Amino acid sequence: MTRKKKLEPVSVMMTDEWYTAGEAAKRLSVNSHREVKPDYLFKLGELGKVRVKKLAPRVTLYAKVDVDSYVVEERGAKSGRLRHEQAQEKKPILS
């Protein structure tokens, strides 16, 4: 038998600091200039990129501070940029 997690009660003041999945997806879409679906927020929460607060089994809130500062880039853009920067650092300096 599994144990259910106790969920915290939410006050109205507390919700000013958090987005629902739909609100967070809209905000990320505006920040990133591309469509971001609510499912993506779940993954960001799993990866620890965005703080989450679980209210019920199907209700999760996402921290406004984290969502507002996050920008979704094209797939592979970050890893490609990192590889390019590392290659630039390793180039020998010719005198």
PDB file of N, CA and C in Angstrom:
ATOM      1  N   MET A   1       0.843  -1.169   0.000  1.00  0.00           N
ATOM      2  CA  MET A   1       0.000   0.000   0.000  1.00  0.00           C
ATOM      3  C   MET A   1       0.896   1.243   0.000  1.00  0.00           C
ATOM      4  N   THR A   2       0.632   2.173  -0.868  1.00  0.00           N
ATOM      5  CA  THR A   2       1.449   3.377  -0.936  1.00  0.00           C
ATOM      6  C   THR A   2       0.891   4.446  -0.012  1.00  0.00           C
ATOM      7  N   ARG A   3       1.777   5.282   0.474  1.00  0.00           N
ATOM      8  CA  ARG A   3       1.351   6.382   1.346  1.00  0.00           C
ATOM      9  C   ARG A   3       1.138   7.615   0.502  1.00  0.00           C
ATOM     10  N   LYS A   4       0.082   8.316   0.789  1.00  0.00           N
ATOM     11  CA  LYS A   4      -0.201   9.563   0.087  1.00  0.00           C
ATOM     12  C   LYS A   4       0.585  10.686   0.731  1.00  0.00           C
ATOM     13  N   LYS A   5       1.107  11.571  -0.105  1.00  0.00           N
ATOM     14  CA  LYS A   5       1.809  12.733   0.416  1.00  0.00           C
ATOM     15  C   LYS A   5       0.798  13.738   0.930  1.00  0.00           C
ATOM     16  N   LYS A   6       1.134  14.375   2.027  1.00  0.00           N
ATOM     17  CA  LYS A   6       0.273  15.434   2.531  1.00  0.00           C
ATOM     18  C   LYS A   6       0.532  16.690   1.725  1.00  0.00           C
ATOM     19  N   LEU A   7      -0.519  17.309   1.252  1.00  0.00           N
ATOM     20  CA  LEU A   7      -0.404  18.509   0.435  1.00  0.00           C
ATOM     21  C   LEU A   7      -0.691  19.739   1.283  1.00  0.00           C
ATOM     22  N   GLU A   8       0.055  20.808   0.978  1.00  0.00           N
ATOM     23  CA  GLU A   8      -0.095  22.032   1.759  1.00  0.00           C
ATOM     24  C   GLU A   8      -1.330  22.810   1.337  1.00  0.00           C
ATOM     25  N   PRO A   9      -2.035  23.414   2.308  1.00  0.00           N
ATOM     26  CA  PRO A   9      -3.124  24.307   1.922  1.00  0.00           C
ATOM     27  C   PRO A   9      -2.549  25.565   1.283  1.00  0.00           C
ATOM     28  N   VAL A  10      -3.296  26.150   0.373  1.00  0.00           N
ATOM     29  CA  VAL A  10      -2.809  27.314  -0.359  1.00  0.00           C
ATOM     30  C   VAL A  10      -3.611  28.538   0.035  1.00  0.00           C
ATOM     31  N   SER A  11      -2.896  29.606   0.346  1.00  0.00           N
ATOM     32  CA  SER A  11      -3.565  30.861   0.638  1.00  0.00           C
ATOM     33  C   SER A  11      -3.588  31.714  -0.624  1.00  0.00           C
ATOM     34  N   VAL A  12      -4.452  32.686  -0.656  1.00  0.00           N
ATOM     35  CA  VAL A  12      -4.564  33.566  -1.817  1.00  0.00           C
ATOM     36  C   VAL A  12      -3.278  34.348  -2.021  1.00  0.00           C
ATOM     37  N   MET A  13      -2.638  34.780  -0.948  1.00  0.00           N
ATOM     38  CA  MET A  13      -1.396  35.539  -1.062  1.00  0.00           C
ATOM     39  C   MET A  13      -0.281  34.695  -1.655  1.00  0.00           C
ATOM     40  N   MET A  14      -0.275  33.410  -1.343  1.00  0.00           N
ATOM     41  CA  MET A  14       0.762  32.526  -1.838  1.00  0.00           C
ATOM     42  C   MET A  14       0.677  32.346  -3.355  1.00  0.00           C
ATOM     43  N   THR A  15      -0.507  32.380  -3.909  1.00  0.00           N
ATOM     44  CA  THR A  15      -0.667  32.138  -5.338  1.00  0.00           C
ATOM     45  C   THR A  15      -0.154  33.288  -6.188  1.00  0.00           C
ATOM     46  N   ASP A  16       0.130  34.439  -5.599  1.00  0.00           N
ATOM     47  CA  ASP A  16       0.708  35.545  -6.354  1.00  0.00           C
ATOM     48  C   ASP A  16       2.130  35.240  -6.807  1.00  0.00           C
ATOM     49  N   GLU A  17       2.780  34.306  -6.163  1.00  0.00           N
ATOM     50  CA  GLU A  17       4.165  33.968  -6.470  1.00  0.00           C
ATOM     51  C   GLU A  17       4.290  32.746  -7.373  1.00  0.00           C
ATOM     52  N   TRP A  18       3.175  32.180  -7.796  1.00  0.00           N
ATOM     53  CA  TRP A  18       3.191  30.936  -8.558  1.00  0.00           C
ATOM     54  C   TRP A  18       2.293  31.020  -9.790  1.00  0.00           C
ATOM     55  N   TYR A  19       2.661  30.291 -10.850  1.00  0.00           N
ATOM     56  CA  TYR A  19       1.839  30.159 -12.061  1.00  0.00           C
ATOM     57  C   TYR A  19       1.240  28.764 -12.111  1.00  0.00           C
ATOM     58  N   THR A  20       0.076  28.648 -12.733  1.00  0.00           N
ATOM     59  CA  THR A  20      -0.434  27.328 -13.090  1.00  0.00           C
ATOM     60  C   THR A  20       0.317  26.896 -14.346  1.00  0.00           C
ATOM     61  N   ALA A  21       0.151  25.651 -14.762  1.00  0.00           N
ATOM     62  CA  ALA A  21       0.861  25.153 -15.940  1.00  0.00           C
ATOM     63  C   ALA A  21       0.492  25.961 -17.186  1.00  0.00           C
ATOM     64  N   GLY A  22      -0.779  26.284 -17.349  1.00  0.00           N
ATOM     65  CA  GLY A  22      -1.220  27.052 -18.512  1.00  0.00           C
ATOM     66  C   GLY A  22      -0.653  28.463 -18.526  1.00  0.00           C
ATOM     67  N   GLU A  23      -0.687  29.118 -17.381  1.00  0.00           N
ATOM     68  CA  GLU A  23      -0.141  30.480 -17.277  1.00  0.00           C
ATOM     69  C   GLU A  23       1.366  30.487 -17.516  1.00  0.00           C
ATOM     70  N   ALA A  24       2.051  29.499 -16.951  1.00  0.00           N
ATOM     71  CA  ALA A  24       3.503  29.413 -17.117  1.00  0.00           C
ATOM     72  C   ALA A  24       3.870  29.142 -18.577  1.00  0.00           C
ATOM     73  N   ALA A  25       3.094  28.299 -19.250  1.00  0.00           N
ATOM     74  CA  ALA A  25       3.357  28.010 -20.664  1.00  0.00           C
ATOM     75  C   ALA A  25       3.178  29.269 -21.513  1.00  0.00           C
ATOM     76  N   LYS A  26       2.153  30.050 -21.224  1.00  0.00           N
ATOM     77  CA  LYS A  26       1.941  31.305 -21.964  1.00  0.00           C
ATOM     78  C   LYS A  26       3.109  32.260 -21.738  1.00  0.00           C
ATOM     79  N   ARG A  27       3.564  32.353 -20.489  1.00  0.00           N
ATOM     80  CA  ARG A  27       4.676  33.257 -20.165  1.00  0.00           C
ATOM     81  C   ARG A  27       5.964  32.799 -20.857  1.00  0.00           C
ATOM     82  N   LEU A  28       6.234  31.495 -20.842  1.00  0.00           N
ATOM     83  CA  LEU A  28       7.422  30.977 -21.522  1.00  0.00           C
ATOM     84  C   LEU A  28       7.333  31.196 -23.028  1.00  0.00           C
ATOM     85  N   SER A  29       6.136  31.083 -23.588  1.00  0.00           N
ATOM     86  CA  SER A  29       5.948  31.318 -25.020  1.00  0.00           C
ATOM     87  C   SER A  29       6.294  32.758 -25.373  1.00  0.00           C
ATOM     88  N   VAL A  30       5.876  33.696 -24.542  1.00  0.00           N
ATOM     89  CA  VAL A  30       6.179  35.117 -24.781  1.00  0.00           C
ATOM     90  C   VAL A  30       7.679  35.364 -24.634  1.00  0.00           C
ATOM     91  N   ASN A  31       8.287  34.813 -23.580  1.00  0.00           N
ATOM     92  CA  ASN A  31       9.719  34.998 -23.336  1.00  0.00           C
ATOM     93  C   ASN A  31      10.573  34.403 -24.447  1.00  0.00           C
ATOM     94  N   SER A  32      10.148  33.269 -24.990  1.00  0.00           N
ATOM     95  CA  SER A  32      10.956  32.510 -25.937  1.00  0.00           C
ATOM     96  C   SER A  32      10.619  32.784 -27.397  1.00  0.00           C
ATOM     97  N   HIS A  33       9.550  33.517 -27.650  1.00  0.00           N
ATOM     98  CA  HIS A  33       9.097  33.808 -29.018  1.00  0.00           C
ATOM     99  C   HIS A  33       8.816  32.529 -29.802  1.00  0.00           C
ATOM    100  N   ARG A  34       8.265  31.538 -29.123  1.00  0.00           N
ATOM    101  CA  ARG A  34       7.855  30.286 -29.743  1.00  0.00           C
ATOM    102  C   ARG A  34       6.836  29.611 -28.846  1.00  0.00           C
ATOM    103  N   GLU A  35       6.080  28.683 -29.400  1.00  0.00           N
ATOM    104  CA  GLU A  35       5.032  28.027 -28.610  1.00  0.00           C
ATOM    105  C   GLU A  35       5.645  27.032 -27.624  1.00  0.00           C
ATOM    106  N   VAL A  36       5.220  27.143 -26.380  1.00  0.00           N
ATOM    107  CA  VAL A  36       5.635  26.210 -25.333  1.00  0.00           C
ATOM    108  C   VAL A  36       4.371  25.612 -24.741  1.00  0.00           C
ATOM    109  N   LYS A  37       4.308  24.288 -24.697  1.00  0.00           N
ATOM    110  CA  LYS A  37       3.123  23.600 -24.166  1.00  0.00           C
ATOM    111  C   LYS A  37       3.274  23.352 -22.668  1.00  0.00           C
ATOM    112  N   PRO A  38       2.144  23.252 -21.962  1.00  0.00           N
ATOM    113  CA  PRO A  38       2.194  23.011 -20.513  1.00  0.00           C
ATOM    114  C   PRO A  38       2.963  21.743 -20.127  1.00  0.00           C
ATOM    115  N   ASP A  39       2.987  20.743 -21.011  1.00  0.00           N
ATOM    116  CA  ASP A  39       3.725  19.508 -20.711  1.00  0.00           C
ATOM    117  C   ASP A  39       5.214  19.772 -20.501  1.00  0.00           C
ATOM    118  N   TYR A  40       5.724  20.782 -21.191  1.00  0.00           N
ATOM    119  CA  TYR A  40       7.146  21.103 -21.087  1.00  0.00           C
ATOM    120  C   TYR A  40       7.504  21.576 -19.683  1.00  0.00           C
ATOM    121  N   LEU A  41       6.555  22.249 -19.025  1.00  0.00           N
ATOM    122  CA  LEU A  41       6.790  22.719 -17.653  1.00  0.00           C
ATOM    123  C   LEU A  41       7.002  21.557 -16.703  1.00  0.00           C
ATOM    124  N   PHE A  42       6.264  20.480 -16.924  1.00  0.00           N
ATOM    125  CA  PHE A  42       6.424  19.293 -16.082  1.00  0.00           C
ATOM    126  C   PHE A  42       7.862  18.793 -16.169  1.00  0.00           C
ATOM    127  N   LYS A  43       8.407  18.745 -17.388  1.00  0.00           N
ATOM    128  CA  LYS A  43       9.778  18.270 -17.591  1.00  0.00           C
ATOM    129  C   LYS A  43      10.791  19.215 -16.942  1.00  0.00           C
ATOM    130  N   LEU A  44      10.561  20.529 -17.081  1.00  0.00           N
ATOM    131  CA  LEU A  44      11.453  21.496 -16.437  1.00  0.00           C
ATOM    132  C   LEU A  44      11.462  21.315 -14.923  1.00  0.00           C
ATOM    133  N   GLY A  45      10.289  21.021 -14.372  1.00  0.00           N
ATOM    134  CA  GLY A  45      10.196  20.769 -12.935  1.00  0.00           C
ATOM    135  C   GLY A  45      10.950  19.512 -12.531  1.00  0.00           C
ATOM    136  N   GLU A  46      10.842  18.453 -13.340  1.00  0.00           N
ATOM    137  CA  GLU A  46      11.559  17.209 -13.058  1.00  0.00           C
ATOM    138  C   GLU A  46      13.067  17.417 -13.088  1.00  0.00           C
ATOM    139  N   LEU A  47      13.521  18.252 -14.022  1.00  0.00           N
ATOM    140  CA  LEU A  47      14.952  18.506 -14.178  1.00  0.00           C
ATOM    141  C   LEU A  47      15.493  19.503 -13.157  1.00  0.00           C
ATOM    142  N   GLY A  48      14.604  20.121 -12.391  1.00  0.00           N
ATOM    143  CA  GLY A  48      15.027  21.073 -11.375  1.00  0.00           C
ATOM    144  C   GLY A  48      15.309  22.465 -11.921  1.00  0.00           C
ATOM    145  N   LYS A  49      14.874  22.752 -13.140  1.00  0.00           N
ATOM    146  CA  LYS A  49      15.086  24.070 -13.745  1.00  0.00           C
ATOM    147  C   LYS A  49      14.078  25.084 -13.201  1.00  0.00           C
ATOM    148  N   VAL A  50      12.922  24.594 -12.775  1.00  0.00           N
ATOM    149  CA  VAL A  50      11.848  25.439 -12.257  1.00  0.00           C
ATOM    150  C   VAL A  50      11.347  24.802 -10.968  1.00  0.00           C
ATOM    151  N   ARG A  51      11.183  25.605  -9.920  1.00  0.00           N
ATOM    152  CA  ARG A  51      10.644  25.083  -8.664  1.00  0.00           C
ATOM    153  C   ARG A  51       9.150  24.807  -8.824  1.00  0.00           C
ATOM    154  N   VAL A  52       8.696  23.712  -8.242  1.00  0.00           N
ATOM    155  CA  VAL A  52       7.289  23.329  -8.346  1.00  0.00           C
ATOM    156  C   VAL A  52       6.693  23.151  -6.965  1.00  0.00           C
ATOM    157  N   LYS A  53       5.385  23.322  -6.903  1.00  0.00           N
ATOM    158  CA  LYS A  53       4.624  23.064  -5.673  1.00  0.00           C
ATOM    159  C   LYS A  53       3.415  22.244  -6.086  1.00  0.00           C
ATOM    160  N   LYS A  54       3.333  21.038  -5.559  1.00  0.00           N
ATOM    161  CA  LYS A  54       2.257  20.113  -5.881  1.00  0.00           C
ATOM    162  C   LYS A  54       1.095  20.376  -4.931  1.00  0.00           C
ATOM    163  N   LEU A  55      -0.055  20.758  -5.488  1.00  0.00           N
ATOM    164  CA  LEU A  55      -1.231  21.022  -4.648  1.00  0.00           C
ATOM    165  C   LEU A  55      -2.126  19.805  -4.533  1.00  0.00           C
ATOM    166  N   ALA A  56      -2.251  19.080  -5.605  1.00  0.00           N
ATOM    167  CA  ALA A  56      -3.073  17.880  -5.663  1.00  0.00           C
ATOM    168  C   ALA A  56      -2.421  16.972  -6.708  1.00  0.00           C
ATOM    169  N   PRO A  57      -2.868  15.745  -6.818  1.00  0.00           N
ATOM    170  CA  PRO A  57      -2.237  14.856  -7.798  1.00  0.00           C
ATOM    171  C   PRO A  57      -2.199  15.420  -9.222  1.00  0.00           C
ATOM    172  N   ARG A  58      -3.170  16.240  -9.599  1.00  0.00           N
ATOM    173  CA  ARG A  58      -3.201  16.777 -10.951  1.00  0.00           C
ATOM    174  C   ARG A  58      -3.051  18.288 -11.010  1.00  0.00           C
ATOM    175  N   VAL A  59      -2.662  18.900  -9.900  1.00  0.00           N
ATOM    176  CA  VAL A  59      -2.504  20.359  -9.867  1.00  0.00           C
ATOM    177  C   VAL A  59      -1.101  20.691  -9.363  1.00  0.00           C
ATOM    178  N   THR A  60      -0.327  21.347 -10.217  1.00  0.00           N
ATOM    179  CA  THR A  60       1.032  21.746  -9.874  1.00  0.00           C
ATOM    180  C   THR A  60       1.203  23.221 -10.178  1.00  0.00           C
ATOM    181  N   LEU A  61       1.884  23.935  -9.288  1.00  0.00           N
ATOM    182  CA  LEU A  61       2.189  25.341  -9.514  1.00  0.00           C
ATOM    183  C   LEU A  61       3.677  25.484  -9.782  1.00  0.00           C
ATOM    184  N   TYR A  62       4.034  26.514 -10.562  1.00  0.00           N
ATOM    185  CA  TYR A  62       5.420  26.758 -10.949  1.00  0.00           C
ATOM    186  C   TYR A  62       5.830  28.155 -10.489  1.00  0.00           C
ATOM    187  N   ALA A  63       7.008  28.284  -9.906  1.00  0.00           N
ATOM    188  CA  ALA A  63       7.491  29.544  -9.335  1.00  0.00           C
ATOM    189  C   ALA A  63       7.620  30.613 -10.417  1.00  0.00           C
ATOM    190  N   LYS A  64       6.986  31.777 -10.190  1.00  0.00           N
ATOM    191  CA  LYS A  64       7.023  32.876 -11.153  1.00  0.00           C
ATOM    192  C   LYS A  64       8.438  33.351 -11.427  1.00  0.00           C
ATOM    193  N   VAL A  65       9.245  33.437 -10.393  1.00  0.00           N
ATOM    194  CA  VAL A  65      10.621  33.924 -10.543  1.00  0.00           C
ATOM    195  C   VAL A  65      11.394  33.038 -11.520  1.00  0.00           C
ATOM    196  N   ASP A  66      11.240  31.716 -11.380  1.00  0.00           N
ATOM    197  CA  ASP A  66      11.963  30.782 -12.244  1.00  0.00           C
ATOM    198  C   ASP A  66      11.432  30.813 -13.674  1.00  0.00           C
ATOM    199  N   VAL A  67      10.124  30.835 -13.811  1.00  0.00           N
ATOM    200  CA  VAL A  67       9.505  30.830 -15.149  1.00  0.00           C
ATOM    201  C   VAL A  67       9.826  32.126 -15.884  1.00  0.00           C
ATOM    202  N   ASP A  68       9.734  33.268 -15.195  1.00  0.00           N
ATOM    203  CA  ASP A  68       9.985  34.556 -15.844  1.00  0.00           C
ATOM    204  C   ASP A  68      11.422  34.687 -16.350  1.00  0.00           C
ATOM    205  N   SER A  69      12.364  34.041 -15.689  1.00  0.00           N
ATOM    206  CA  SER A  69      13.765  34.182 -16.086  1.00  0.00           C
ATOM    207  C   SER A  69      14.224  33.112 -17.078  1.00  0.00           C
ATOM    208  N   TYR A  70      13.398  32.091 -17.335  1.00  0.00           N
ATOM    209  CA  TYR A  70      13.794  30.994 -18.213  1.00  0.00           C
ATOM    210  C   TYR A  70      13.413  31.298 -19.662  1.00  0.00           C
ATOM    211  N   VAL A  71      14.307  30.984 -20.601  1.00  0.00           N
ATOM    212  CA  VAL A  71      14.039  31.157 -22.034  1.00  0.00           C
ATOM    213  C   VAL A  71      14.299  29.824 -22.714  1.00  0.00           C
ATOM    214  N   VAL A  72      13.313  29.353 -23.480  1.00  0.00           N
ATOM    215  CA  VAL A  72      13.442  28.100 -24.211  1.00  0.00           C
ATOM    216  C   VAL A  72      14.113  28.406 -25.545  1.00  0.00           C
ATOM    217  N   GLU A  73      15.249  27.763 -25.799  1.00  0.00           N
ATOM    218  CA  GLU A  73      15.955  27.952 -27.062  1.00  0.00           C
ATOM    219  C   GLU A  73      15.618  26.806 -28.004  1.00  0.00           C
ATOM    220  N   GLU A  74      16.015  26.955 -29.264  1.00  0.00           N
ATOM    221  CA  GLU A  74      15.810  25.900 -30.246  1.00  0.00           C
ATOM    222  C   GLU A  74      16.517  24.640 -29.767  1.00  0.00           C
ATOM    223  N   ARG A  75      16.001  23.508 -30.166  1.00  0.00           N
ATOM    224  CA  ARG A  75      16.580  22.246 -29.753  1.00  0.00           C
ATOM    225  C   ARG A  75      18.040  22.152 -30.211  1.00  0.00           C
ATOM    226  N   GLY A  76      18.919  21.860 -29.286  1.00  0.00           N
ATOM    227  CA  GLY A  76      20.328  21.710 -29.594  1.00  0.00           C
ATOM    228  C   GLY A  76      21.109  23.010 -29.612  1.00  0.00           C
ATOM    229  N   ALA A  77      20.452  24.149 -29.466  1.00  0.00           N
ATOM    230  CA  ALA A  77      21.149  25.433 -29.553  1.00  0.00           C
ATOM    231  C   ALA A  77      22.141  25.594 -28.405  1.00  0.00           C
ATOM    232  N   LYS A  78      21.744  25.224 -27.200  1.00  0.00           N
ATOM    233  CA  LYS A  78      22.635  25.400 -26.057  1.00  0.00           C
ATOM    234  C   LYS A  78      23.833  24.466 -26.151  1.00  0.00           C
ATOM    235  N   SER A  79      23.599  23.208 -26.487  1.00  0.00           N
ATOM    236  CA  SER A  79      24.714  22.264 -26.557  1.00  0.00           C
ATOM    237  C   SER A  79      25.635  22.612 -27.716  1.00  0.00           C
ATOM    238  N   GLY A  80      25.082  23.077 -28.836  1.00  0.00           N
ATOM    239  CA  GLY A  80      25.901  23.478 -29.974  1.00  0.00           C
ATOM    240  C   GLY A  80      26.747  24.687 -29.648  1.00  0.00           C
ATOM    241  N   ARG A  81      26.151  25.656 -28.961  1.00  0.00           N
ATOM    242  CA  ARG A  81      26.887  26.862 -28.565  1.00  0.00           C
ATOM    243  C   ARG A  81      28.007  26.494 -27.594  1.00  0.00           C
ATOM    244  N   LEU A  82      27.727  25.597 -26.661  1.00  0.00           N
ATOM    245  CA  LEU A  82      28.732  25.180 -25.691  1.00  0.00           C
ATOM    246  C   LEU A  82      29.905  24.498 -26.389  1.00  0.00           C
ATOM    247  N   ARG A  83      29.612  23.593 -27.331  1.00  0.00           N
ATOM    248  CA  ARG A  83      30.687  22.916 -28.051  1.00  0.00           C
ATOM    249  C   ARG A  83      31.530  23.913 -28.835  1.00  0.00           C
ATOM    250  N   HIS A  84      30.883  24.893 -29.439  1.00  0.00           N
ATOM    251  CA  HIS A  84      31.598  25.914 -30.199  1.00  0.00           C
ATOM    252  C   HIS A  84      32.514  26.733 -29.282  1.00  0.00           C
ATOM    253  N   GLU A  85      32.013  27.121 -28.129  1.00  0.00           N
ATOM    254  CA  GLU A  85      32.810  27.900 -27.179  1.00  0.00           C
ATOM    255  C   GLU A  85      33.999  27.089 -26.666  1.00  0.00           C
ATOM    256  N   GLN A  86      33.777  25.809 -26.406  1.00  0.00           N
ATOM    257  CA  GLN A  86      34.865  24.966 -25.931  1.00  0.00           C
ATOM    258  C   GLN A  86      35.923  24.785 -27.011  1.00  0.00           C
ATOM    259  N   ALA A  87      35.507  24.673 -28.263  1.00  0.00           N
ATOM    260  CA  ALA A  87      36.454  24.541 -29.370  1.00  0.00           C
ATOM    261  C   ALA A  87      37.278  25.810 -29.517  1.00  0.00           C
ATOM    262  N   GLN A  88      36.647  26.969 -29.316  1.00  0.00           N
ATOM    263  CA  GLN A  88      37.362  28.240 -29.410  1.00  0.00           C
ATOM    264  C   GLN A  88      38.423  28.340 -28.320  1.00  0.00           C
ATOM    265  N   GLU A  89      38.118  27.849 -27.142  1.00  0.00           N
ATOM    266  CA  GLU A  89      39.061  27.911 -26.022  1.00  0.00           C
ATOM    267  C   GLU A  89      40.261  26.998 -26.244  1.00  0.00           C
ATOM    268  N   LYS A  90      40.060  25.859 -26.915  1.00  0.00           N
ATOM    269  CA  LYS A  90      41.125  24.875 -27.115  1.00  0.00           C
ATOM    270  C   LYS A  90      42.053  25.205 -28.271  1.00  0.00           C
ATOM    271  N   LYS A  91      41.674  26.165 -29.124  1.00  0.00           N
ATOM    272  CA  LYS A  91      42.523  26.508 -30.265  1.00  0.00           C
ATOM    273  C   LYS A  91      43.867  27.041 -29.766  1.00  0.00           C
ATOM    274  N   PRO A  92      44.963  26.550 -30.349  1.00  0.00           N
ATOM    275  CA  PRO A  92      46.278  27.055 -29.938  1.00  0.00           C
ATOM    276  C   PRO A  92      46.491  28.489 -30.469  1.00  0.00           C
ATOM    277  N   ILE A  93      47.165  29.278 -29.696  1.00  0.00           N
ATOM    278  CA  ILE A  93      47.450  30.643 -30.088  1.00  0.00           C
ATOM    279  C   ILE A  93      48.725  30.639 -30.918  1.00  0.00           C
ATOM    280  N   LEU A  94      48.638  31.135 -32.128  1.00  0.00           N
ATOM    281  CA  LEU A  94      49.797  31.205 -33.021  1.00  0.00           C
ATOM    282  C   LEU A  94      50.484  32.536 -32.847  1.00  0.00           C
ATOM    283  N   SER A  95      51.781  32.498 -32.674  1.00  0.00           N
ATOM    284  CA  SER A  95      52.500  33.755 -32.509  1.00  0.00           C
ATOM    285  C   SER A  95      53.247  34.129 -33.754  1.00  0.00           C
TER     286      SER A  95
END
